[in-house]
């Protein structure tokens, strides 16, 4: 198990913070990593895999116009995912991940491995664009671990 998983787990418990996750390209991997540890029920409230654009809009209320104009793989969609899942689950933190895990689906503008990750709290948000390399599974794992790193950073900043 990667150290960042245990570190984030302990930090959430220590700070008595709660988390909800809206994942697309990672397919539930962040949720899996955290819930594989005993005690995660203290903080892990909801994990949602919103893979289709329809699910992003109908379940989490991401405006279809944002998806249409910015693309499902965009900073705006990642930010909306993290904000909406946090509000929906009434948690301290929300994570939103959207990207292109491959091996197909990329373009010159957004190549395979492009992932946007957003971590949201009531007062702060971190959103970053990443370009991961490797197989589909490697991109998914890299994105899930990076999401936990961003969450750890936000918690340490007083989230």
Protein backbone atom coordinates (compact mmCIF):
# COMPACT_ATOMS: atom_id res chain seq x y z
CA UNK A 1 0.00 0.00 0.00
CA UNK A 2 1.24 3.46 -0.92
CA UNK A 3 2.22 5.65 2.08
CA UNK A 4 -0.02 8.52 0.91
CA UNK A 5 -3.10 6.34 1.43
CA UNK A 6 -2.31 5.65 5.09
CA UNK A 7 -1.17 9.25 5.67
CA UNK A 8 -4.40 10.70 4.30
CA UNK A 9 -6.46 8.14 6.22
CA UNK A 10 -4.77 9.07 9.51
CA UNK A 11 -5.01 12.80 8.80
CA UNK A 12 -8.75 12.64 8.16
CA UNK A 13 -9.33 10.69 11.37
CA UNK A 14 -7.02 12.89 13.45
CA UNK A 15 -8.69 16.09 12.22
CA UNK A 16 -12.21 14.60 12.42
CA UNK A 17 -12.93 15.56 8.81
CA UNK A 18 -15.31 13.89 6.37
CA UNK A 19 -14.93 13.17 2.66
CA UNK A 20 -17.00 12.49 -0.43
CA UNK A 21 -15.55 11.59 -3.81
CA UNK A 22 -16.86 11.96 -7.38
CA UNK A 23 -14.67 9.95 -9.73
CA UNK A 24 -14.83 9.52 -13.46
CA UNK A 25 -11.65 8.20 -15.11
CA UNK A 26 -10.39 6.56 -11.91
CA UNK A 27 -13.50 4.39 -11.72
CA UNK A 28 -13.71 4.33 -7.93
CA UNK A 29 -10.02 3.78 -7.19
CA UNK A 30 -9.76 6.64 -4.66
CA UNK A 31 -12.78 5.22 -2.87
CA UNK A 32 -11.26 1.73 -2.95
CA UNK A 33 -7.90 2.91 -1.60
CA UNK A 34 -9.46 4.66 1.38
CA UNK A 35 -12.13 2.11 2.22
CA UNK A 36 -9.59 -0.71 2.17
CA UNK A 37 -8.37 0.64 5.53
CA UNK A 38 -10.16 -0.18 8.76
CA UNK A 39 -11.67 2.91 10.34
CA UNK A 40 -12.47 4.68 7.08
CA UNK A 41 -16.15 4.74 8.05
CA UNK A 42 -15.24 7.56 10.44
CA UNK A 43 -14.66 9.93 7.51
CA UNK A 44 -15.63 8.33 4.19
CA UNK A 45 -19.24 9.29 3.50
CA UNK A 46 -19.78 8.79 -0.23
CA UNK A 47 -17.94 7.53 -3.28
CA UNK A 48 -19.63 8.09 -6.62
CA UNK A 49 -18.42 6.99 -10.04
CA UNK A 50 -20.04 9.48 -12.43
CA UNK A 51 -18.63 8.10 -15.65
CA UNK A 52 -21.12 9.39 -18.20
CA UNK A 53 -21.88 13.03 -18.91
CA UNK A 54 -25.54 12.27 -18.17
CA UNK A 55 -24.65 11.06 -14.67
CA UNK A 56 -22.49 14.11 -14.05
CA UNK A 57 -25.45 16.34 -14.94
CA UNK A 58 -28.41 14.43 -13.57
CA UNK A 59 -26.92 13.17 -10.31
CA UNK A 60 -24.48 15.94 -9.38
CA UNK A 61 -26.08 18.85 -11.18
CA UNK A 62 -23.10 19.72 -13.38
CA UNK A 63 -24.59 22.04 -16.00
CA UNK A 64 -24.68 20.35 -19.39
CA UNK A 65 -23.55 23.68 -20.86
CA UNK A 66 -20.22 23.44 -18.97
CA UNK A 67 -19.65 19.92 -20.26
CA UNK A 68 -20.60 21.00 -23.78
CA UNK A 69 -18.44 24.14 -23.89
CA UNK A 70 -15.46 23.12 -21.73
CA UNK A 71 -15.55 19.35 -22.23
CA UNK A 72 -16.11 16.56 -19.73
CA UNK A 73 -12.35 16.52 -19.18
CA UNK A 74 -11.78 20.06 -17.93
CA UNK A 75 -10.89 22.13 -14.90
CA UNK A 76 -14.45 23.41 -14.72
CA UNK A 77 -15.97 19.94 -14.58
CA UNK A 78 -13.45 18.72 -11.98
CA UNK A 79 -14.22 21.76 -9.81
CA UNK A 80 -17.95 21.24 -10.20
CA UNK A 81 -17.61 17.55 -9.29
CA UNK A 82 -15.68 18.28 -6.11
CA UNK A 83 -18.00 21.09 -5.02
CA UNK A 84 -21.23 19.27 -5.83
CA UNK A 85 -20.29 15.95 -4.22
CA UNK A 86 -19.16 17.78 -1.07
CA UNK A 87 -22.44 19.67 -0.88
CA UNK A 88 -24.55 16.62 -1.72
CA UNK A 89 -22.91 14.48 0.98
CA UNK A 90 -22.54 17.39 3.44
CA UNK A 91 -18.86 16.63 4.01
CA UNK A 92 -15.84 18.74 4.91
CA UNK A 93 -14.02 17.79 1.70
CA UNK A 94 -14.95 16.72 -1.80
CA UNK A 95 -12.71 15.29 -4.50
CA UNK A 96 -13.57 15.49 -8.21
CA UNK A 97 -11.57 13.65 -10.87
CA UNK A 98 -12.09 13.64 -14.62
CA UNK A 99 -9.68 12.61 -17.34
CA UNK A 100 -8.65 10.38 -20.20
CA UNK A 101 -7.15 7.14 -18.91
CA UNK A 102 -6.70 5.65 -22.41
CA UNK A 103 -5.59 3.91 -24.37
CA UNK A 104 -8.18 5.61 -26.62
CA UNK A 105 -10.05 8.87 -26.36
CA UNK A 106 -7.22 11.38 -26.47
CA UNK A 107 -6.65 14.23 -28.91
CA UNK A 108 -3.88 16.67 -29.72
CA UNK A 109 -5.52 19.16 -27.37
CA UNK A 110 -6.19 16.65 -24.57
CA UNK A 111 -3.94 13.62 -24.95
CA UNK A 112 -4.38 10.32 -23.15
CA UNK A 113 -3.19 10.79 -19.57
CA UNK A 114 -4.76 14.25 -19.19
CA UNK A 115 -6.49 14.38 -15.81
CA UNK A 116 -8.03 17.23 -13.84
CA UNK A 117 -8.26 16.79 -10.08
CA UNK A 118 -10.09 19.16 -7.75
CA UNK A 119 -10.28 19.04 -3.98
CA UNK A 120 -12.89 21.28 -2.41
CA UNK A 121 -13.68 22.46 1.11
CA UNK A 122 -16.05 25.16 2.29
CA UNK A 123 -13.32 27.82 2.16
CA UNK A 124 -10.67 26.54 -0.25
CA UNK A 125 -10.17 24.61 -3.46
CA UNK A 126 -7.16 23.11 -5.17
CA UNK A 127 -7.52 22.17 -8.83
CA UNK A 128 -4.68 20.92 -10.99
CA UNK A 129 -4.15 19.53 -14.47
CA UNK A 130 -1.87 16.52 -14.83
CA UNK A 131 -0.44 14.54 -17.72
CA UNK A 132 0.24 11.00 -16.57
CA UNK A 133 2.05 8.37 -18.61
CA UNK A 134 1.57 4.63 -18.86
CA UNK A 135 -1.18 2.10 -19.31
CA UNK A 136 -4.81 2.79 -18.47
CA UNK A 137 -4.31 1.21 -15.03
CA UNK A 138 -1.14 3.23 -14.41
CA UNK A 139 -2.88 6.50 -15.32
CA UNK A 140 -5.80 5.63 -13.03
CA UNK A 141 -3.49 4.74 -10.13
CA UNK A 142 -1.36 7.86 -10.60
CA UNK A 143 -4.47 10.05 -10.67
CA UNK A 144 -5.98 8.44 -7.56
CA UNK A 145 -2.77 8.81 -5.57
CA UNK A 146 -2.31 12.42 -6.72
CA UNK A 147 -5.86 13.20 -5.59
CA UNK A 148 -4.98 11.96 -2.11
CA UNK A 149 -1.83 14.08 -2.15
CA UNK A 150 -3.88 17.18 -3.01
CA UNK A 151 -6.36 16.32 -0.25
CA UNK A 152 -3.52 15.97 2.24
CA UNK A 153 -2.17 19.36 1.16
CA UNK A 154 -5.56 21.04 1.61
CA UNK A 155 -6.10 19.47 5.04
CA UNK A 156 -2.66 20.64 6.19
CA UNK A 157 -3.46 24.17 4.98
CA UNK A 158 -6.42 24.20 7.30
CA UNK A 159 -8.86 23.21 4.55
